[in-house]
Amino acid sequence: MIQNKAPGKDVSIEDMKEKFPLTAKTDKSHTSFFEIAGISFGGKLIPVMAGPNMVENENLIVETAIQVKKAGAHFLRGGAFKPLTFPYRSEKYTETREEGIKWLGIAKKEAGIGIITEVMEEKYLDMICDVADILQIGSRNMQNYPLITAAAKTDKPLMIKRHYGASLRDWLGAAEYALYEGNRKVILCERGVSVPHTHKDSSRFLLDLQVVPAAKEITHLPIAVDPSHATFWRPWVKPMALASIAAGCDSVMLEVHPDPENSAVDPLQPIDFQDFEHLMIDMNKIANNVNRCVLD
């Protein structure tokens, strides 16, 4: 790499030494390996996080937790605090907030599964940390450095989603804030970038799979991929999930719902329990071809 002449785009040797030395690899073989709730990241296993976009009600989240765990998922994902592009809500399209966190706790106990959920405000950290095994920093908060700093100080593992307009350099800079606070359990998640063409009117983002090998050249942190939010289209989730495994990702996040077409949020993208079960088997086959596994 040469000296950085375009700081918004390319990563330079100077960046790795001075801008994000904790996030950068120290050598080609440098890879972080850690456990979260008994599940290993950065090794042979490719953990899967699955569940609804929003924690809609107790029965739904408990049923989903049981079903995705049965199919082999390692973590239940679900948003109780849900950032939306616009401020308007409806009776169906809303947040369950504190009650949703309580339901996640119930689902965790009923299914015996780890929890990943988004944190949006520092004031809710203690309450969320009582339930969550991984704190998700959403794409909109990727550069909310006070929130990342506060979340990192809890010593809970973090997953930082890449903003849809952020360069690899920006993304690694966000991770550096967490590592700077001494938190070493950080996962980076690709969830689609904004481009002029996304192949379908309803699709908002393009899944940047090229960033997986690009990031792994530079950082030792595990790289997750979320094909559900990126494609925004159910039929494309499976092929892009399989492609993510082939590209070398270290974890996959999927949106799974018992009744996808009636999901309270983004009903075009979730898959149902049966499709998820089949996808887990297919992802494991691809993983086996690259000397890894999804089903442990």
C-alpha atoms as a PDB file:
ATOM      1  CA  MET A   1       0.000   0.000   0.000  1.00  0.00           C
ATOM      2  CA  ILE A   2       1.106   3.555  -0.741  1.00  0.00           C
ATOM      3  CA  GLN A   3       0.625   6.755   1.221  1.00  0.00           C
ATOM      4  CA  ASN A   4      -3.051   7.650   1.421  1.00  0.00           C
ATOM      5  CA  LYS A   5      -3.889  10.304  -1.183  1.00  0.00           C
ATOM      6  CA  ALA A   6      -7.654   9.774  -0.966  1.00  0.00           C
ATOM      7  CA  PRO A   7      -8.510   9.509   2.754  1.00  0.00           C
ATOM      8  CA  GLY A   8     -12.196   8.851   2.171  1.00  0.00           C
ATOM      9  CA  LYS A   9     -11.563   5.725   0.140  1.00  0.00           C
ATOM     10  CA  ASP A  10      -8.281   3.870   0.435  1.00  0.00           C
ATOM     11  CA  VAL A  11      -6.545   2.439   3.492  1.00  0.00           C
ATOM     12  CA  SER A  12      -2.845   3.240   3.751  1.00  0.00           C
ATOM     13  CA  ILE A  13       0.003   1.830   5.791  1.00  0.00           C
ATOM     14  CA  GLU A  14      -0.048   5.110   7.702  1.00  0.00           C
ATOM     15  CA  ASP A  15      -3.710   4.518   8.607  1.00  0.00           C
ATOM     16  CA  MET A  16      -2.939   1.071   9.963  1.00  0.00           C
ATOM     17  CA  LYS A  17      -0.132   2.404  12.123  1.00  0.00           C
ATOM     18  CA  GLU A  18      -1.655   5.675  13.315  1.00  0.00           C
ATOM     19  CA  LYS A  19      -5.436   5.770  12.717  1.00  0.00           C
ATOM     20  CA  PHE A  20      -6.538   2.271  13.763  1.00  0.00           C
ATOM     21  CA  PRO A  21      -3.504   0.341  15.067  1.00  0.00           C
ATOM     22  CA  LEU A  22      -5.667  -1.790  17.396  1.00  0.00           C
ATOM     23  CA  THR A  23      -8.046  -2.819  14.620  1.00  0.00           C
ATOM     24  CA  ALA A  24      -5.313  -3.473  12.049  1.00  0.00           C
ATOM     25  CA  LYS A  25      -3.560  -6.808  11.632  1.00  0.00           C
ATOM     26  CA  THR A  26      -0.062  -7.016  13.048  1.00  0.00           C
ATOM     27  CA  ASP A  27       0.814  -9.640  10.416  1.00  0.00           C
ATOM     28  CA  LYS A  28      -0.933 -11.721   7.755  1.00  0.00           C
ATOM     29  CA  SER A  29      -1.828 -14.512  10.184  1.00  0.00           C
ATOM     30  CA  HIS A  30      -3.255 -12.213  12.876  1.00  0.00           C
ATOM     31  CA  THR A  31      -6.906 -13.231  13.497  1.00  0.00           C
ATOM     32  CA  SER A  32      -9.043 -12.549  16.561  1.00  0.00           C
ATOM     33  CA  PHE A  33     -10.637 -15.573  18.167  1.00  0.00           C
ATOM     34  CA  PHE A  34     -13.056 -15.218  21.068  1.00  0.00           C
ATOM     35  CA  GLU A  35     -16.153 -16.786  22.595  1.00  0.00           C
ATOM     36  CA  ILE A  36     -19.531 -15.184  23.245  1.00  0.00           C
ATOM     37  CA  ALA A  37     -22.062 -17.143  25.309  1.00  0.00           C
ATOM     38  CA  GLY A  38     -20.067 -20.296  24.578  1.00  0.00           C
ATOM     39  CA  ILE A  39     -20.030 -19.702  20.800  1.00  0.00           C
ATOM     40  CA  SER A  40     -16.686 -19.160  19.076  1.00  0.00           C
ATOM     41  CA  PHE A  41     -16.026 -16.362  16.588  1.00  0.00           C
ATOM     42  CA  GLY A  42     -13.050 -16.157  14.249  1.00  0.00           C
ATOM     43  CA  GLY A  43     -12.487 -19.900  13.998  1.00  0.00           C
ATOM     44  CA  LYS A  44     -13.873 -22.765  11.961  1.00  0.00           C
ATOM     45  CA  LEU A  45     -17.470 -22.167  13.060  1.00  0.00           C
ATOM     46  CA  ILE A  46     -19.540 -19.509  11.248  1.00  0.00           C
ATOM     47  CA  PRO A  47     -22.159 -18.478  13.857  1.00  0.00           C
ATOM     48  CA  VAL A  48     -25.629 -17.556  12.608  1.00  0.00           C
ATOM     49  CA  MET A  49     -27.792 -14.832  14.149  1.00  0.00           C
ATOM     50  CA  ALA A  50     -31.459 -15.156  13.200  1.00  0.00           C
ATOM     51  CA  GLY A  51     -34.809 -13.684  14.108  1.00  0.00           C
ATOM     52  CA  PRO A  52     -37.301 -10.927  13.320  1.00  0.00           C
ATOM     53  CA  ASN A  53     -36.381  -7.359  12.536  1.00  0.00           C
ATOM     54  CA  MET A  54     -38.599  -6.192  15.388  1.00  0.00           C
ATOM     55  CA  VAL A  55     -39.623  -7.824  18.657  1.00  0.00           C
ATOM     56  CA  GLU A  56     -43.346  -7.581  17.960  1.00  0.00           C
ATOM     57  CA  ASN A  57     -44.807  -9.535  20.878  1.00  0.00           C
ATOM     58  CA  GLU A  58     -43.847 -12.167  23.436  1.00  0.00           C
ATOM     59  CA  ASN A  59     -45.352 -15.188  21.689  1.00  0.00           C
ATOM     60  CA  LEU A  60     -43.706 -14.357  18.364  1.00  0.00           C
ATOM     61  CA  ILE A  61     -40.225 -13.853  19.768  1.00  0.00           C
ATOM     62  CA  VAL A  62     -40.376 -16.969  21.977  1.00  0.00           C
ATOM     63  CA  GLU A  63     -41.640 -19.124  19.087  1.00  0.00           C
ATOM     64  CA  THR A  64     -38.945 -17.718  16.795  1.00  0.00           C
ATOM     65  CA  ALA A  65     -36.222 -18.325  19.368  1.00  0.00           C
ATOM     66  CA  ILE A  66     -37.241 -21.959  19.756  1.00  0.00           C
ATOM     67  CA  GLN A  67     -37.488 -22.568  16.007  1.00  0.00           C
ATOM     68  CA  VAL A  68     -34.228 -20.908  14.947  1.00  0.00           C
ATOM     69  CA  LYS A  69     -32.371 -22.625  17.780  1.00  0.00           C
ATOM     70  CA  LYS A  70     -33.827 -25.965  16.641  1.00  0.00           C
ATOM     71  CA  ALA A  71     -32.575 -25.279  13.096  1.00  0.00           C
ATOM     72  CA  GLY A  72     -29.057 -24.595  14.368  1.00  0.00           C
ATOM     73  CA  ALA A  73     -28.894 -20.823  14.893  1.00  0.00           C
ATOM     74  CA  HIS A  74     -26.463 -19.654  17.548  1.00  0.00           C
ATOM     75  CA  PHE A  75     -28.048 -16.301  18.455  1.00  0.00           C
ATOM     76  CA  LEU A  76     -31.516 -14.783  18.341  1.00  0.00           C
ATOM     77  CA  ARG A  77     -31.628 -11.337  16.752  1.00  0.00           C
ATOM     78  CA  GLY A  78     -34.493  -8.921  17.332  1.00  0.00           C
ATOM     79  CA  GLY A  79     -34.895  -5.182  17.717  1.00  0.00           C
ATOM     80  CA  ALA A  80     -36.844  -3.829  20.689  1.00  0.00           C
ATOM     81  CA  PHE A  81     -35.461  -0.364  20.031  1.00  0.00           C
ATOM     82  CA  LYS A  82     -35.856   0.028  16.287  1.00  0.00           C
ATOM     83  CA  PRO A  83     -34.511   3.006  14.321  1.00  0.00           C
ATOM     84  CA  LEU A  84     -36.738   3.880  11.380  1.00  0.00           C
ATOM     85  CA  THR A  85     -35.908   6.141   8.459  1.00  0.00           C
ATOM     86  CA  PHE A  86     -38.891   8.404   9.199  1.00  0.00           C
ATOM     87  CA  PRO A  87     -40.455   9.482  12.530  1.00  0.00           C
ATOM     88  CA  TYR A  88     -43.974   8.266  11.764  1.00  0.00           C
ATOM     89  CA  ARG A  89     -45.332   5.106  13.399  1.00  0.00           C
ATOM     90  CA  SER A  90     -48.499   3.065  13.131  1.00  0.00           C
ATOM     91  CA  GLU A  91     -50.160   0.611  15.494  1.00  0.00           C
ATOM     92  CA  LYS A  92     -48.341  -2.223  13.719  1.00  0.00           C
ATOM     93  CA  TYR A  93     -45.115  -0.448  12.814  1.00  0.00           C
ATOM     94  CA  THR A  94     -43.732   0.640  16.169  1.00  0.00           C
ATOM     95  CA  GLU A  95     -41.198  -0.183  18.880  1.00  0.00           C
ATOM     96  CA  THR A  96     -41.769  -2.405  21.891  1.00  0.00           C
ATOM     97  CA  ARG A  97     -38.791  -0.871  23.737  1.00  0.00           C
ATOM     98  CA  GLU A  98     -38.508  -1.907  27.438  1.00  0.00           C
ATOM     99  CA  GLU A  99     -41.248  -4.516  27.071  1.00  0.00           C
ATOM    100  CA  GLY A 100     -39.478  -5.940  24.026  1.00  0.00           C
ATOM    101  CA  ILE A 101     -36.254  -6.332  26.009  1.00  0.00           C
ATOM    102  CA  LYS A 102     -38.206  -8.204  28.677  1.00  0.00           C
ATOM    103  CA  TRP A 103     -39.627 -10.535  25.996  1.00  0.00           C
ATOM    104  CA  LEU A 104     -36.122 -11.153  24.639  1.00  0.00           C
ATOM    105  CA  GLY A 105     -35.107 -12.218  28.130  1.00  0.00           C
ATOM    106  CA  ILE A 106     -37.987 -14.669  28.272  1.00  0.00           C
ATOM    107  CA  ALA A 107     -37.114 -16.041  24.820  1.00  0.00           C
ATOM    108  CA  LYS A 108     -33.487 -16.446  25.896  1.00  0.00           C
ATOM    109  CA  LYS A 109     -34.512 -18.626  28.843  1.00  0.00           C
ATOM    110  CA  GLU A 110     -37.154 -20.603  26.948  1.00  0.00           C
ATOM    111  CA  ALA A 111     -34.903 -21.467  23.985  1.00  0.00           C
ATOM    112  CA  GLY A 112     -31.487 -21.443  25.642  1.00  0.00           C
ATOM    113  CA  ILE A 113     -30.060 -19.142  22.992  1.00  0.00           C
ATOM    114  CA  GLY A 114     -27.823 -16.071  23.039  1.00  0.00           C
ATOM    115  CA  ILE A 115     -29.281 -12.636  22.244  1.00  0.00           C
ATOM    116  CA  ILE A 116     -28.122  -9.842  19.954  1.00  0.00           C
ATOM    117  CA  THR A 117     -30.139  -6.631  19.952  1.00  0.00           C
ATOM    118  CA  GLU A 118     -29.572  -3.027  18.988  1.00  0.00           C
ATOM    119  CA  VAL A 119     -28.731  -0.253  21.407  1.00  0.00           C
ATOM    120  CA  MET A 120     -29.646   3.264  20.292  1.00  0.00           C
ATOM    121  CA  GLU A 121     -29.220   5.362  23.421  1.00  0.00           C
ATOM    122  CA  GLU A 122     -26.716   5.233  26.255  1.00  0.00           C
ATOM    123  CA  LYS A 123     -29.428   5.574  28.905  1.00  0.00           C
ATOM    124  CA  TYR A 124     -30.794   2.108  28.057  1.00  0.00           C
ATOM    125  CA  LEU A 125     -27.453   0.312  28.174  1.00  0.00           C
ATOM    126  CA  ASP A 126     -27.784  -1.195  31.641  1.00  0.00           C
ATOM    127  CA  MET A 127     -31.233  -2.603  30.926  1.00  0.00           C
ATOM    128  CA  ILE A 128     -30.197  -4.059  27.558  1.00  0.00           C
ATOM    129  CA  CYS A 129     -26.966  -5.498  28.983  1.00  0.00           C
ATOM    130  CA  ASP A 130     -29.009  -7.525  31.492  1.00  0.00           C
ATOM    131  CA  VAL A 131     -30.402  -9.532  28.553  1.00  0.00           C
ATOM    132  CA  ALA A 132     -28.131  -9.146  25.531  1.00  0.00           C
ATOM    133  CA  ASP A 133     -25.008 -11.198  24.865  1.00  0.00           C
ATOM    134  CA  ILE A 134     -24.017  -8.936  21.951  1.00  0.00           C
ATOM    135  CA  LEU A 135     -24.795  -5.240  21.607  1.00  0.00           C
ATOM    136  CA  GLN A 136     -25.544  -4.195  18.047  1.00  0.00           C
ATOM    137  CA  ILE A 137     -24.481  -0.744  16.904  1.00  0.00           C
ATOM    138  CA  GLY A 138     -26.736  -0.097  13.920  1.00  0.00           C
ATOM    139  CA  SER A 139     -25.577   1.411  10.662  1.00  0.00           C
ATOM    140  CA  ARG A 140     -27.098   4.794  11.492  1.00  0.00           C
ATOM    141  CA  ASN A 141     -24.999   4.931  14.662  1.00  0.00           C
ATOM    142  CA  MET A 142     -21.760   3.647  13.160  1.00  0.00           C
ATOM    143  CA  GLN A 143     -20.174   7.062  13.680  1.00  0.00           C
ATOM    144  CA  ASN A 144     -21.950   7.851  16.943  1.00  0.00           C
ATOM    145  CA  TYR A 145     -18.664   7.619  18.804  1.00  0.00           C
ATOM    146  CA  PRO A 146     -20.013   8.525  22.280  1.00  0.00           C
ATOM    147  CA  LEU A 147     -22.498   5.628  21.994  1.00  0.00           C
ATOM    148  CA  ILE A 148     -19.814   3.204  20.773  1.00  0.00           C
ATOM    149  CA  THR A 149     -17.505   4.306  23.586  1.00  0.00           C
ATOM    150  CA  ALA A 150     -20.208   3.856  26.232  1.00  0.00           C
ATOM    151  CA  ALA A 151     -21.220   0.472  24.823  1.00  0.00           C
ATOM    152  CA  ALA A 152     -17.591  -0.687  24.706  1.00  0.00           C
ATOM    153  CA  LYS A 153     -17.098   0.250  28.359  1.00  0.00           C
ATOM    154  CA  THR A 154     -19.803  -2.233  29.400  1.00  0.00           C
ATOM    155  CA  ASP A 155     -17.376  -4.944  28.246  1.00  0.00           C
ATOM    156  CA  LYS A 156     -20.231  -6.586  26.337  1.00  0.00           C
ATOM    157  CA  PRO A 157     -19.267  -7.817  22.851  1.00  0.00           C
ATOM    158  CA  LEU A 158     -20.204  -5.359  20.100  1.00  0.00           C
ATOM    159  CA  MET A 159     -21.289  -5.834  16.515  1.00  0.00           C
ATOM    160  CA  ILE A 160     -20.810  -2.665  14.463  1.00  0.00           C
ATOM    161  CA  LYS A 161     -22.850  -2.491  11.274  1.00  0.00           C
ATOM    162  CA  ARG A 162     -21.325  -0.611   8.384  1.00  0.00           C
ATOM    163  CA  HIS A 163     -23.189   2.537   7.367  1.00  0.00           C
ATOM    164  CA  TYR A 164     -24.509   2.330   3.813  1.00  0.00           C
ATOM    165  CA  GLY A 165     -22.353   5.297   2.779  1.00  0.00           C
ATOM    166  CA  ALA A 166     -19.204   4.431   4.724  1.00  0.00           C
ATOM    167  CA  SER A 167     -15.847   3.424   3.320  1.00  0.00           C
ATOM    168  CA  LEU A 168     -13.867   0.529   4.737  1.00  0.00           C
ATOM    169  CA  ARG A 169     -11.621   3.146   6.331  1.00  0.00           C
ATOM    170  CA  ASP A 170     -14.584   4.766   8.136  1.00  0.00           C
ATOM    171  CA  TRP A 171     -15.849   1.394   9.335  1.00  0.00           C
ATOM    172  CA  LEU A 172     -12.503   0.379  10.804  1.00  0.00           C
ATOM    173  CA  GLY A 173     -12.241   3.777  12.458  1.00  0.00           C
ATOM    174  CA  ALA A 174     -15.530   3.125  14.252  1.00  0.00           C
ATOM    175  CA  ALA A 175     -14.225  -0.225  15.502  1.00  0.00           C
ATOM    176  CA  GLU A 176     -11.087   1.486  16.780  1.00  0.00           C
ATOM    177  CA  TYR A 177     -13.211   3.495  19.237  1.00  0.00           C
ATOM    178  CA  ALA A 178     -14.396   0.236  20.822  1.00  0.00           C
ATOM    179  CA  LEU A 179     -10.965  -1.373  20.947  1.00  0.00           C
ATOM    180  CA  TYR A 180      -9.470   1.841  22.328  1.00  0.00           C
ATOM    181  CA  GLU A 181     -11.703   1.369  25.394  1.00  0.00           C
ATOM    182  CA  GLY A 182     -10.242  -2.090  25.931  1.00  0.00           C
ATOM    183  CA  ASN A 183     -13.137  -4.068  24.450  1.00  0.00           C
ATOM    184  CA  ARG A 184     -11.603  -6.807  22.308  1.00  0.00           C
ATOM    185  CA  LYS A 185     -14.804  -8.653  21.366  1.00  0.00           C
ATOM    186  CA  VAL A 186     -15.832  -6.639  18.320  1.00  0.00           C
ATOM    187  CA  ILE A 187     -17.528  -7.959  15.175  1.00  0.00           C
ATOM    188  CA  LEU A 188     -17.910  -5.950  11.982  1.00  0.00           C
ATOM    189  CA  CYS A 189     -21.086  -6.450   9.922  1.00  0.00           C
ATOM    190  CA  GLU A 190     -21.588  -5.639   6.237  1.00  0.00           C
ATOM    191  CA  ARG A 191     -25.241  -4.840   5.521  1.00  0.00           C
ATOM    192  CA  GLY A 192     -25.272  -3.212   2.103  1.00  0.00           C
ATOM    193  CA  VAL A 193     -24.168   0.073   0.571  1.00  0.00           C
ATOM    194  CA  SER A 194     -26.079   2.750  -1.264  1.00  0.00           C
ATOM    195  CA  VAL A 195     -25.427   2.768  -5.026  1.00  0.00           C
ATOM    196  CA  PRO A 196     -27.257   4.155  -8.103  1.00  0.00           C
ATOM    197  CA  HIS A 197     -28.583   0.725  -9.125  1.00  0.00           C
ATOM    198  CA  THR A 198     -29.813  -2.062  -6.846  1.00  0.00           C
ATOM    199  CA  HIS A 199     -31.507  -4.248  -9.503  1.00  0.00           C
ATOM    200  CA  LYS A 200     -35.046  -3.821  -8.133  1.00  0.00           C
ATOM    201  CA  ASP A 201     -37.268  -0.863  -7.248  1.00  0.00           C
ATOM    202  CA  SER A 202     -37.827  -2.088  -3.704  1.00  0.00           C
ATOM    203  CA  SER A 203     -34.170  -2.878  -3.039  1.00  0.00           C
ATOM    204  CA  ARG A 204     -32.394  -0.046  -1.228  1.00  0.00           C
ATOM    205  CA  PHE A 205     -28.848  -1.344  -0.906  1.00  0.00           C
ATOM    206  CA  LEU A 206     -26.267  -3.463  -2.667  1.00  0.00           C
ATOM    207  CA  LEU A 207     -24.485  -6.169  -0.671  1.00  0.00           C
ATOM    208  CA  ASP A 208     -20.775  -5.395  -0.859  1.00  0.00           C
ATOM    209  CA  LEU A 209     -19.266  -8.864  -0.669  1.00  0.00           C
ATOM    210  CA  GLN A 210     -15.970  -7.543  -1.969  1.00  0.00           C
ATOM    211  CA  VAL A 211     -15.524  -5.803   1.375  1.00  0.00           C
ATOM    212  CA  VAL A 212     -15.255  -9.196   3.129  1.00  0.00           C
ATOM    213  CA  PRO A 213     -11.876 -10.221   1.648  1.00  0.00           C
ATOM    214  CA  ALA A 214     -10.820  -6.566   1.561  1.00  0.00           C
ATOM    215  CA  ALA A 215     -11.456  -6.142   5.287  1.00  0.00           C
ATOM    216  CA  LYS A 216      -9.836  -9.458   6.135  1.00  0.00           C
ATOM    217  CA  GLU A 217      -6.618  -8.297   4.478  1.00  0.00           C
ATOM    218  CA  ILE A 218      -6.467  -5.362   6.884  1.00  0.00           C
ATOM    219  CA  THR A 219      -8.227  -6.233  10.145  1.00  0.00           C
ATOM    220  CA  HIS A 220      -8.061  -9.191  12.506  1.00  0.00           C
ATOM    221  CA  LEU A 221     -11.704  -8.714  13.572  1.00  0.00           C
ATOM    222  CA  PRO A 222     -14.428 -11.184  12.492  1.00  0.00           C
ATOM    223  CA  ILE A 223     -16.576 -10.024   9.561  1.00  0.00           C
ATOM    224  CA  ALA A 224     -20.318 -10.756   9.570  1.00  0.00           C
ATOM    225  CA  VAL A 225     -22.740 -10.257   6.673  1.00  0.00           C
ATOM    226  CA  ASP A 226     -26.456  -9.391   6.758  1.00  0.00           C
ATOM    227  CA  PRO A 227     -27.949 -10.309   3.354  1.00  0.00           C
ATOM    228  CA  SER A 228     -31.534  -9.703   4.525  1.00  0.00           C
ATOM    229  CA  HIS A 229     -31.213  -5.956   5.033  1.00  0.00           C
ATOM    230  CA  ALA A 230     -28.970  -5.543   2.031  1.00  0.00           C
ATOM    231  CA  THR A 231     -31.121  -7.283  -0.582  1.00  0.00           C
ATOM    232  CA  PHE A 232     -34.463  -6.237   0.929  1.00  0.00           C
ATOM    233  CA  TRP A 233     -35.985  -9.045  -1.151  1.00  0.00           C
ATOM    234  CA  ARG A 234     -36.735 -12.539   0.147  1.00  0.00           C
ATOM    235  CA  PRO A 235     -35.802 -14.546  -2.999  1.00  0.00           C
ATOM    236  CA  TRP A 236     -32.311 -13.027  -2.992  1.00  0.00           C
ATOM    237  CA  VAL A 237     -31.496 -13.780   0.658  1.00  0.00           C
ATOM    238  CA  LYS A 238     -30.509 -17.418   0.119  1.00  0.00           C
ATOM    239  CA  PRO A 239     -28.082 -16.902  -2.810  1.00  0.00           C
ATOM    240  CA  MET A 240     -26.420 -13.945  -1.101  1.00  0.00           C
ATOM    241  CA  ALA A 241     -26.152 -15.820   2.202  1.00  0.00           C
ATOM    242  CA  LEU A 242     -24.427 -18.681   0.398  1.00  0.00           C
ATOM    243  CA  ALA A 243     -22.188 -16.220  -1.437  1.00  0.00           C
ATOM    244  CA  SER A 244     -21.283 -14.580   1.881  1.00  0.00           C
ATOM    245  CA  ILE A 245     -20.040 -17.916   3.214  1.00  0.00           C
ATOM    246  CA  ALA A 246     -18.032 -18.498   0.029  1.00  0.00           C
ATOM    247  CA  ALA A 247     -16.567 -14.978   0.265  1.00  0.00           C
ATOM    248  CA  GLY A 248     -15.086 -15.821   3.667  1.00  0.00           C
ATOM    249  CA  CYS A 249     -17.420 -14.194   6.181  1.00  0.00           C
ATOM    250  CA  ASP A 250     -17.150 -15.198   9.838  1.00  0.00           C
ATOM    251  CA  SER A 251     -20.837 -14.881  10.767  1.00  0.00           C
ATOM    252  CA  VAL A 252     -24.221 -14.436   9.071  1.00  0.00           C
ATOM    253  CA  MET A 253     -27.212 -12.429  10.293  1.00  0.00           C
ATOM    254  CA  LEU A 254     -30.601 -13.367   8.829  1.00  0.00           C
ATOM    255  CA  GLU A 255     -34.094 -12.054   9.246  1.00  0.00           C
ATOM    256  CA  VAL A 256     -36.487 -14.903  10.114  1.00  0.00           C
ATOM    257  CA  HIS A 257     -40.189 -14.516  10.905  1.00  0.00           C
ATOM    258  CA  PRO A 258     -43.043 -17.019  11.453  1.00  0.00           C
ATOM    259  CA  ASP A 259     -45.249 -15.120   9.002  1.00  0.00           C
ATOM    260  CA  PRO A 260     -42.922 -13.060   6.792  1.00  0.00           C
ATOM    261  CA  GLU A 261     -45.572 -11.367   4.663  1.00  0.00           C
ATOM    262  CA  ASN A 262     -47.226  -9.983   7.789  1.00  0.00           C
ATOM    263  CA  SER A 263     -44.021  -8.879   9.491  1.00  0.00           C
ATOM    264  CA  ALA A 264     -44.452  -5.525  11.221  1.00  0.00           C
ATOM    265  CA  VAL A 265     -41.248  -4.243   9.626  1.00  0.00           C
ATOM    266  CA  ASP A 266     -39.889  -4.818   6.111  1.00  0.00           C
ATOM    267  CA  PRO A 267     -42.192  -7.724   5.122  1.00  0.00           C
ATOM    268  CA  LEU A 268     -40.401  -8.182   1.792  1.00  0.00           C
ATOM    269  CA  GLN A 269     -37.193  -9.575   3.276  1.00  0.00           C
ATOM    270  CA  PRO A 270     -37.729 -12.141   6.096  1.00  0.00           C
ATOM    271  CA  ILE A 271     -37.717 -15.876   5.407  1.00  0.00           C
ATOM    272  CA  ASP A 272     -39.922 -18.360   7.248  1.00  0.00           C
ATOM    273  CA  PHE A 273     -38.870 -21.176   9.563  1.00  0.00           C
ATOM    274  CA  GLN A 274     -38.874 -23.871   6.885  1.00  0.00           C
ATOM    275  CA  ASP A 275     -36.757 -21.834   4.475  1.00  0.00           C
ATOM    276  CA  PHE A 276     -34.389 -20.989   7.303  1.00  0.00           C
ATOM    277  CA  GLU A 277     -33.948 -24.660   8.208  1.00  0.00           C
ATOM    278  CA  HIS A 278     -33.121 -25.506   4.589  1.00  0.00           C
ATOM    279  CA  LEU A 279     -30.796 -22.511   4.288  1.00  0.00           C
ATOM    280  CA  MET A 280     -28.834 -23.577   7.369  1.00  0.00           C
ATOM    281  CA  ILE A 281     -28.187 -26.958   5.722  1.00  0.00           C
ATOM    282  CA  ASP A 282     -27.138 -25.336   2.434  1.00  0.00           C
ATOM    283  CA  MET A 283     -24.887 -22.793   4.157  1.00  0.00           C
ATOM    284  CA  ASN A 284     -23.203 -25.619   6.032  1.00  0.00           C
ATOM    285  CA  LYS A 285     -22.487 -27.382   2.736  1.00  0.00           C
ATOM    286  CA  ILE A 286     -20.803 -24.266   1.342  1.00  0.00           C
ATOM    287  CA  ALA A 287     -18.907 -23.769   4.601  1.00  0.00           C
ATOM    288  CA  ASN A 288     -17.620 -27.356   4.474  1.00  0.00           C
ATOM    289  CA  ASN A 289     -16.133 -26.612   1.051  1.00  0.00           C
ATOM    290  CA  VAL A 290     -13.984 -23.870   2.597  1.00  0.00           C
ATOM    291  CA  ASN A 291     -13.030 -26.010   5.614  1.00  0.00           C
ATOM    292  CA  ARG A 292     -15.530 -24.369   7.960  1.00  0.00           C
ATOM    293  CA  CYS A 293     -18.994 -25.162   9.335  1.00  0.00           C
ATOM    294  CA  VAL A 294     -22.302 -23.529  10.179  1.00  0.00           C
ATOM    295  CA  LEU A 295     -23.892 -26.454  11.997  1.00  0.00           C
ATOM    296  CA  ASP A 296     -21.773 -27.484  14.979  1.00  0.00           C
END
